[in-house]
Amino acid sequence: MNPNCSLAYGSLGTALGLAGRTEEAIENQQIAIRSNPRDPSIFFPFTGMAMAHCLAGRHDRAADWTSRAIHRMPHWYIGHFLLIVAQMRMGQQDQARISTRRCLDCLPGARVADLGRVPLKDLAEMARFRDALRRAGLPD
């Protein structure tokens, strides 16, 4: 009904990413960001981009998008979690531990269990995300 609705494109992009359809997710998130670049909640499509890139194995791009999301919303736990996962997957364990400390400074109650609120379709991938967070020092 509204071909310029950035919220609709961002939501669709997030759903596609969680379903593992990463390239379609990225396309929709790009439209969302282009359609409303000053959106106060632009950290949502930034996070959707990060998730899609992480699932596609492009961890450097995922880290870039999560950094943007965290910059816009420092208390956004998913942004912190995806940054930590991306850093761990790039072999940047020391940086991931620093990011974990920063996450806990912003969100003292953050736990690996919080990832359970993300409805990622691929349960094996979810287990790998949890493992990366644990190895980086995030409490269970």
N, C-alpha and C. Protein backbone atom coordinates (compact mmCIF):
# COMPACT_ATOMS: atom_id res chain seq x y z
N MET A 1 0.81 -1.19 0.00
CA MET A 1 0.00 0.00 0.00
C MET A 1 0.85 1.26 0.00
N ASN A 2 2.02 1.19 0.63
CA ASN A 2 2.91 2.34 0.66
C ASN A 2 4.29 1.87 0.23
N PRO A 3 4.63 2.08 -1.04
CA PRO A 3 5.93 1.58 -1.53
C PRO A 3 7.14 2.28 -0.94
N ASN A 4 6.93 3.33 -0.15
CA ASN A 4 8.04 4.05 0.47
C ASN A 4 8.13 3.80 1.97
N CYS A 5 7.45 2.80 2.46
CA CYS A 5 7.42 2.54 3.90
C CYS A 5 8.70 1.83 4.34
N SER A 6 9.60 2.61 4.92
CA SER A 6 10.88 2.04 5.34
C SER A 6 10.70 0.98 6.42
N LEU A 7 9.72 1.16 7.29
CA LEU A 7 9.46 0.18 8.34
C LEU A 7 9.08 -1.17 7.75
N ALA A 8 8.28 -1.16 6.70
CA ALA A 8 7.87 -2.41 6.06
C ALA A 8 9.07 -3.11 5.41
N TYR A 9 9.91 -2.35 4.72
CA TYR A 9 11.09 -2.94 4.10
C TYR A 9 12.06 -3.48 5.15
N GLY A 10 12.24 -2.72 6.22
CA GLY A 10 13.13 -3.16 7.29
C GLY A 10 12.61 -4.41 7.98
N SER A 11 11.31 -4.44 8.24
CA SER A 11 10.71 -5.61 8.89
C SER A 11 10.81 -6.84 7.99
N LEU A 12 10.53 -6.64 6.70
CA LEU A 12 10.65 -7.76 5.77
C LEU A 12 12.10 -8.22 5.70
N GLY A 13 13.03 -7.28 5.65
CA GLY A 13 14.45 -7.65 5.62
C GLY A 13 14.87 -8.43 6.84
N THR A 14 14.37 -8.05 8.00
CA THR A 14 14.69 -8.77 9.23
C THR A 14 14.13 -10.18 9.19
N ALA A 15 12.88 -10.31 8.78
CA ALA A 15 12.26 -11.63 8.70
C ALA A 15 13.00 -12.53 7.71
N LEU A 16 13.38 -11.98 6.56
CA LEU A 16 14.12 -12.77 5.57
C LEU A 16 15.48 -13.18 6.11
N GLY A 17 16.14 -12.29 6.82
CA GLY A 17 17.44 -12.62 7.42
C GLY A 17 17.32 -13.72 8.44
N LEU A 18 16.33 -13.63 9.31
CA LEU A 18 16.14 -14.66 10.33
C LEU A 18 15.81 -16.01 9.71
N ALA A 19 15.22 -15.97 8.51
CA ALA A 19 14.89 -17.21 7.79
C ALA A 19 16.08 -17.72 6.98
N GLY A 20 17.19 -16.97 6.98
CA GLY A 20 18.39 -17.41 6.27
C GLY A 20 18.46 -16.94 4.82
N ARG A 21 17.55 -16.10 4.41
CA ARG A 21 17.54 -15.58 3.03
C ARG A 21 18.29 -14.26 3.02
N THR A 22 19.61 -14.37 3.15
CA THR A 22 20.45 -13.22 3.45
C THR A 22 20.50 -12.17 2.35
N GLU A 23 20.59 -12.58 1.11
CA GLU A 23 20.71 -11.59 0.03
C GLU A 23 19.42 -10.78 -0.11
N GLU A 24 18.29 -11.43 0.00
CA GLU A 24 17.01 -10.72 -0.04
C GLU A 24 16.88 -9.81 1.19
N ALA A 25 17.36 -10.28 2.30
CA ALA A 25 17.33 -9.46 3.53
C ALA A 25 18.12 -8.17 3.33
N ILE A 26 19.31 -8.31 2.77
CA ILE A 26 20.16 -7.14 2.54
C ILE A 26 19.50 -6.16 1.58
N GLU A 27 18.92 -6.66 0.50
CA GLU A 27 18.24 -5.79 -0.46
C GLU A 27 17.14 -4.98 0.22
N ASN A 28 16.33 -5.62 1.04
CA ASN A 28 15.24 -4.92 1.71
C ASN A 28 15.74 -3.94 2.75
N GLN A 29 16.80 -4.30 3.47
CA GLN A 29 17.36 -3.37 4.46
C GLN A 29 17.95 -2.15 3.76
N GLN A 30 18.58 -2.36 2.61
CA GLN A 30 19.13 -1.23 1.87
C GLN A 30 18.03 -0.25 1.46
N ILE A 31 16.90 -0.80 1.02
CA ILE A 31 15.77 0.06 0.65
C ILE A 31 15.27 0.81 1.88
N ALA A 32 15.16 0.12 3.01
CA ALA A 32 14.70 0.76 4.24
C ALA A 32 15.62 1.92 4.63
N ILE A 33 16.91 1.70 4.55
CA ILE A 33 17.88 2.73 4.94
C ILE A 33 17.84 3.90 3.96
N ARG A 34 17.78 3.59 2.67
CA ARG A 34 17.71 4.66 1.66
C ARG A 34 16.41 5.45 1.77
N SER A 35 15.31 4.76 2.07
CA SER A 35 14.00 5.41 2.14
C SER A 35 13.88 6.39 3.29
N ASN A 36 14.59 6.13 4.37
CA ASN A 36 14.45 6.98 5.56
C ASN A 36 15.77 7.03 6.32
N PRO A 37 16.78 7.67 5.76
CA PRO A 37 18.10 7.66 6.39
C PRO A 37 18.19 8.41 7.72
N ARG A 38 17.19 9.20 8.04
CA ARG A 38 17.20 9.94 9.31
C ARG A 38 16.25 9.34 10.34
N ASP A 39 15.78 8.16 10.06
CA ASP A 39 14.86 7.48 10.98
C ASP A 39 15.54 7.31 12.34
N PRO A 40 14.90 7.76 13.42
CA PRO A 40 15.51 7.59 14.75
C PRO A 40 15.73 6.13 15.13
N SER A 41 14.99 5.23 14.51
CA SER A 41 15.19 3.81 14.82
C SER A 41 15.91 3.08 13.69
N ILE A 42 16.80 3.81 13.02
CA ILE A 42 17.56 3.22 11.92
C ILE A 42 18.50 2.11 12.40
N PHE A 43 18.72 2.06 13.71
CA PHE A 43 19.56 0.98 14.24
C PHE A 43 18.93 -0.39 13.96
N PHE A 44 17.61 -0.46 13.79
CA PHE A 44 16.97 -1.74 13.46
C PHE A 44 17.43 -2.25 12.09
N PRO A 45 17.31 -1.45 11.00
CA PRO A 45 17.81 -1.97 9.73
C PRO A 45 19.33 -2.17 9.71
N PHE A 46 20.06 -1.34 10.47
CA PHE A 46 21.50 -1.56 10.58
C PHE A 46 21.76 -2.95 11.18
N THR A 47 21.01 -3.29 12.19
CA THR A 47 21.15 -4.60 12.83
C THR A 47 20.73 -5.71 11.88
N GLY A 48 19.68 -5.49 11.12
CA GLY A 48 19.26 -6.47 10.12
C GLY A 48 20.33 -6.71 9.07
N MET A 49 21.00 -5.64 8.66
CA MET A 49 22.12 -5.78 7.72
C MET A 49 23.24 -6.60 8.36
N ALA A 50 23.53 -6.30 9.62
CA ALA A 50 24.59 -7.02 10.33
C ALA A 50 24.27 -8.50 10.43
N MET A 51 23.04 -8.82 10.79
CA MET A 51 22.63 -10.23 10.92
C MET A 51 22.78 -10.95 9.58
N ALA A 52 22.29 -10.32 8.52
CA ALA A 52 22.36 -10.96 7.19
C ALA A 52 23.81 -11.19 6.77
N HIS A 53 24.65 -10.19 6.96
CA HIS A 53 26.06 -10.34 6.58
C HIS A 53 26.74 -11.40 7.44
N CYS A 54 26.42 -11.45 8.72
CA CYS A 54 27.01 -12.45 9.61
C CYS A 54 26.60 -13.85 9.16
N LEU A 55 25.32 -14.03 8.86
CA LEU A 55 24.84 -15.34 8.42
C LEU A 55 25.42 -15.73 7.06
N ALA A 56 25.76 -14.73 6.24
CA ALA A 56 26.35 -14.99 4.93
C ALA A 56 27.87 -15.17 5.00
N GLY A 57 28.43 -15.04 6.21
CA GLY A 57 29.87 -15.25 6.38
C GLY A 57 30.71 -14.02 6.11
N ARG A 58 30.08 -12.88 5.95
CA ARG A 58 30.82 -11.63 5.71
C ARG A 58 30.92 -10.88 7.05
N HIS A 59 31.80 -11.38 7.89
CA HIS A 59 31.87 -10.91 9.27
C HIS A 59 32.44 -9.50 9.39
N ASP A 60 33.31 -9.12 8.48
CA ASP A 60 33.84 -7.76 8.51
C ASP A 60 32.72 -6.76 8.25
N ARG A 61 31.84 -7.07 7.31
CA ARG A 61 30.71 -6.18 7.02
C ARG A 61 29.70 -6.21 8.16
N ALA A 62 29.53 -7.39 8.75
CA ALA A 62 28.63 -7.48 9.91
C ALA A 62 29.13 -6.59 11.04
N ALA A 63 30.43 -6.63 11.29
CA ALA A 63 31.00 -5.80 12.37
C ALA A 63 30.80 -4.31 12.07
N ASP A 64 30.95 -3.93 10.82
CA ASP A 64 30.74 -2.53 10.44
C ASP A 64 29.29 -2.10 10.72
N TRP A 65 28.33 -2.92 10.31
CA TRP A 65 26.93 -2.57 10.52
C TRP A 65 26.55 -2.59 12.00
N THR A 66 27.11 -3.53 12.76
CA THR A 66 26.79 -3.54 14.19
C THR A 66 27.37 -2.31 14.88
N SER A 67 28.53 -1.89 14.46
CA SER A 67 29.11 -0.68 15.04
C SER A 67 28.21 0.52 14.79
N ARG A 68 27.64 0.59 13.60
CA ARG A 68 26.71 1.68 13.29
C ARG A 68 25.46 1.59 14.17
N ALA A 69 24.96 0.37 14.34
CA ALA A 69 23.76 0.19 15.17
C ALA A 69 24.03 0.59 16.61
N ILE A 70 25.17 0.15 17.15
CA ILE A 70 25.52 0.48 18.53
C ILE A 70 25.73 1.98 18.70
N HIS A 71 26.32 2.61 17.69
CA HIS A 71 26.52 4.06 17.75
C HIS A 71 25.17 4.78 17.87
N ARG A 72 24.19 4.31 17.14
CA ARG A 72 22.86 4.93 17.17
C ARG A 72 22.06 4.54 18.42
N MET A 73 22.28 3.32 18.93
CA MET A 73 21.53 2.84 20.10
C MET A 73 22.47 2.02 20.98
N PRO A 74 23.21 2.69 21.86
CA PRO A 74 24.21 2.00 22.69
C PRO A 74 23.65 0.89 23.57
N HIS A 75 22.39 0.94 23.91
CA HIS A 75 21.80 -0.07 24.80
C HIS A 75 21.05 -1.15 24.03
N TRP A 76 21.38 -1.36 22.77
CA TRP A 76 20.75 -2.36 21.92
C TRP A 76 21.56 -3.65 22.01
N TYR A 77 21.07 -4.59 22.80
CA TYR A 77 21.84 -5.79 23.09
C TYR A 77 22.16 -6.62 21.85
N ILE A 78 21.25 -6.68 20.90
CA ILE A 78 21.50 -7.50 19.71
C ILE A 78 22.68 -6.94 18.91
N GLY A 79 22.77 -5.63 18.85
CA GLY A 79 23.92 -5.02 18.17
C GLY A 79 25.23 -5.44 18.81
N HIS A 80 25.28 -5.37 20.13
CA HIS A 80 26.49 -5.79 20.85
C HIS A 80 26.78 -7.27 20.60
N PHE A 81 25.74 -8.10 20.69
CA PHE A 81 25.93 -9.54 20.52
C PHE A 81 26.47 -9.87 19.13
N LEU A 82 25.90 -9.24 18.10
CA LEU A 82 26.35 -9.53 16.73
C LEU A 82 27.78 -9.04 16.51
N LEU A 83 28.14 -7.93 17.12
CA LEU A 83 29.52 -7.45 17.00
C LEU A 83 30.48 -8.47 17.62
N ILE A 84 30.14 -8.96 18.78
CA ILE A 84 30.99 -9.95 19.46
C ILE A 84 31.12 -11.21 18.61
N VAL A 85 30.01 -11.70 18.09
CA VAL A 85 30.02 -12.91 17.25
C VAL A 85 30.89 -12.67 16.01
N ALA A 86 30.69 -11.53 15.35
CA ALA A 86 31.48 -11.24 14.14
C ALA A 86 32.97 -11.20 14.46
N GLN A 87 33.32 -10.55 15.55
CA GLN A 87 34.74 -10.46 15.93
C GLN A 87 35.31 -11.84 16.25
N MET A 88 34.55 -12.65 16.95
CA MET A 88 35.03 -14.01 17.26
C MET A 88 35.24 -14.80 15.98
N ARG A 89 34.33 -14.67 15.04
CA ARG A 89 34.44 -15.42 13.79
C ARG A 89 35.58 -14.92 12.90
N MET A 90 35.99 -13.68 13.12
CA MET A 90 37.14 -13.16 12.37
C MET A 90 38.45 -13.47 13.09
N GLY A 91 38.38 -14.17 14.21
CA GLY A 91 39.58 -14.50 14.96
C GLY A 91 40.08 -13.37 15.82
N GLN A 92 39.25 -12.38 16.09
CA GLN A 92 39.64 -11.22 16.90
C GLN A 92 39.15 -11.41 18.34
N GLN A 93 39.66 -12.46 18.98
CA GLN A 93 39.21 -12.80 20.32
C GLN A 93 39.43 -11.67 21.33
N ASP A 94 40.60 -11.03 21.27
CA ASP A 94 40.87 -9.95 22.22
C ASP A 94 39.89 -8.80 22.03
N GLN A 95 39.64 -8.44 20.78
CA GLN A 95 38.69 -7.36 20.51
C GLN A 95 37.27 -7.77 20.93
N ALA A 96 36.93 -9.04 20.73
CA ALA A 96 35.60 -9.53 21.14
C ALA A 96 35.45 -9.46 22.66
N ARG A 97 36.51 -9.73 23.38
CA ARG A 97 36.44 -9.63 24.85
C ARG A 97 36.26 -8.17 25.28
N ILE A 98 36.92 -7.26 24.58
CA ILE A 98 36.74 -5.83 24.85
C ILE A 98 35.29 -5.44 24.55
N SER A 99 34.77 -5.92 23.43
CA SER A 99 33.38 -5.62 23.07
C SER A 99 32.41 -6.21 24.09
N THR A 100 32.75 -7.37 24.63
CA THR A 100 31.91 -7.98 25.68
C THR A 100 31.90 -7.10 26.92
N ARG A 101 33.06 -6.59 27.30
CA ARG A 101 33.12 -5.69 28.46
C ARG A 101 32.31 -4.42 28.21
N ARG A 102 32.40 -3.88 27.00
CA ARG A 102 31.63 -2.68 26.66
C ARG A 102 30.12 -2.98 26.71
N CYS A 103 29.75 -4.15 26.21
CA CYS A 103 28.35 -4.57 26.26
C CYS A 103 27.88 -4.61 27.71
N LEU A 104 28.67 -5.23 28.56
CA LEU A 104 28.28 -5.37 29.97
C LEU A 104 28.31 -4.03 30.71
N ASP A 105 29.16 -3.11 30.26
CA ASP A 105 29.15 -1.77 30.84
C ASP A 105 27.82 -1.07 30.53
N CYS A 106 27.34 -1.23 29.30
CA CYS A 106 26.07 -0.62 28.89
C CYS A 106 24.87 -1.39 29.43
N LEU A 107 25.01 -2.70 29.44
CA LEU A 107 23.90 -3.60 29.79
C LEU A 107 24.38 -4.61 30.83
N PRO A 108 24.51 -4.22 32.08
CA PRO A 108 25.09 -5.11 33.09
C PRO A 108 24.37 -6.45 33.23
N GLY A 109 23.12 -6.51 32.89
CA GLY A 109 22.37 -7.76 33.02
C GLY A 109 22.37 -8.62 31.77
N ALA A 110 23.13 -8.24 30.76
CA ALA A 110 23.14 -8.99 29.50
C ALA A 110 23.67 -10.40 29.73
N ARG A 111 23.00 -11.36 29.12
CA ARG A 111 23.37 -12.77 29.24
C ARG A 111 23.20 -13.46 27.90
N VAL A 112 23.94 -14.55 27.71
CA VAL A 112 23.81 -15.35 26.50
C VAL A 112 22.35 -15.76 26.30
N ALA A 113 21.65 -16.03 27.39
CA ALA A 113 20.24 -16.44 27.31
C ALA A 113 19.37 -15.41 26.62
N ASP A 114 19.78 -14.13 26.62
CA ASP A 114 18.99 -13.08 25.96
C ASP A 114 18.89 -13.31 24.45
N LEU A 115 19.84 -14.05 23.91
CA LEU A 115 19.81 -14.34 22.48
C LEU A 115 18.57 -15.17 22.12
N GLY A 116 17.99 -15.84 23.11
CA GLY A 116 16.80 -16.65 22.87
C GLY A 116 15.61 -15.84 22.38
N ARG A 117 15.65 -14.53 22.53
CA ARG A 117 14.57 -13.67 22.03
C ARG A 117 14.67 -13.43 20.53
N VAL A 118 15.76 -13.86 19.92
CA VAL A 118 15.95 -13.70 18.48
C VAL A 118 15.48 -15.00 17.81
N PRO A 119 14.41 -14.93 17.01
CA PRO A 119 13.85 -16.16 16.43
C PRO A 119 14.59 -16.63 15.18
N LEU A 120 15.87 -16.91 15.31
CA LEU A 120 16.66 -17.39 14.19
C LEU A 120 16.22 -18.80 13.82
N LYS A 121 15.92 -18.99 12.54
CA LYS A 121 15.39 -20.27 12.07
C LYS A 121 16.41 -21.40 12.19
N ASP A 122 17.66 -21.11 11.88
CA ASP A 122 18.72 -22.12 11.87
C ASP A 122 19.22 -22.34 13.30
N LEU A 123 18.74 -23.39 13.93
CA LEU A 123 19.08 -23.63 15.33
C LEU A 123 20.56 -23.96 15.52
N ALA A 124 21.18 -24.59 14.53
CA ALA A 124 22.62 -24.87 14.63
C ALA A 124 23.41 -23.56 14.61
N GLU A 125 22.97 -22.63 13.80
CA GLU A 125 23.63 -21.32 13.75
C GLU A 125 23.43 -20.58 15.08
N MET A 126 22.25 -20.69 15.65
CA MET A 126 21.98 -20.08 16.95
C MET A 126 22.92 -20.66 18.01
N ALA A 127 23.14 -21.96 17.96
CA ALA A 127 24.06 -22.59 18.92
C ALA A 127 25.48 -22.05 18.72
N ARG A 128 25.88 -21.83 17.48
CA ARG A 128 27.21 -21.27 17.21
C ARG A 128 27.31 -19.82 17.71
N PHE A 129 26.23 -19.05 17.56
CA PHE A 129 26.21 -17.69 18.10
C PHE A 129 26.42 -17.74 19.61
N ARG A 130 25.65 -18.60 20.28
CA ARG A 130 25.77 -18.71 21.74
C ARG A 130 27.18 -19.10 22.16
N ASP A 131 27.75 -20.06 21.44
CA ASP A 131 29.10 -20.51 21.76
C ASP A 131 30.11 -19.36 21.63
N ALA A 132 29.99 -18.58 20.57
CA ALA A 132 30.90 -17.44 20.37
C ALA A 132 30.77 -16.44 21.51
N LEU A 133 29.54 -16.17 21.93
CA LEU A 133 29.32 -15.23 23.03
C LEU A 133 29.94 -15.75 24.33
N ARG A 134 29.77 -17.02 24.59
CA ARG A 134 30.35 -17.63 25.80
C ARG A 134 31.88 -17.54 25.76
N ARG A 135 32.46 -17.90 24.61
CA ARG A 135 33.92 -17.88 24.50
C ARG A 135 34.48 -16.47 24.65
N ALA A 136 33.67 -15.46 24.32
CA ALA A 136 34.11 -14.07 24.47
C ALA A 136 33.91 -13.55 25.89
N GLY A 137 33.28 -14.36 26.73
CA GLY A 137 33.14 -14.00 28.14
C GLY A 137 31.78 -13.49 28.58
N LEU A 138 30.78 -13.56 27.70
CA LEU A 138 29.44 -13.13 28.13
C LEU A 138 28.86 -14.20 29.04
N PRO A 139 28.34 -13.81 30.21
CA PRO A 139 27.78 -14.82 31.13
C PRO A 139 26.54 -15.50 30.55
N ASP A 140 26.33 -16.76 31.00
CA ASP A 140 25.14 -17.49 30.57
C ASP A 140 23.90 -16.86 31.15
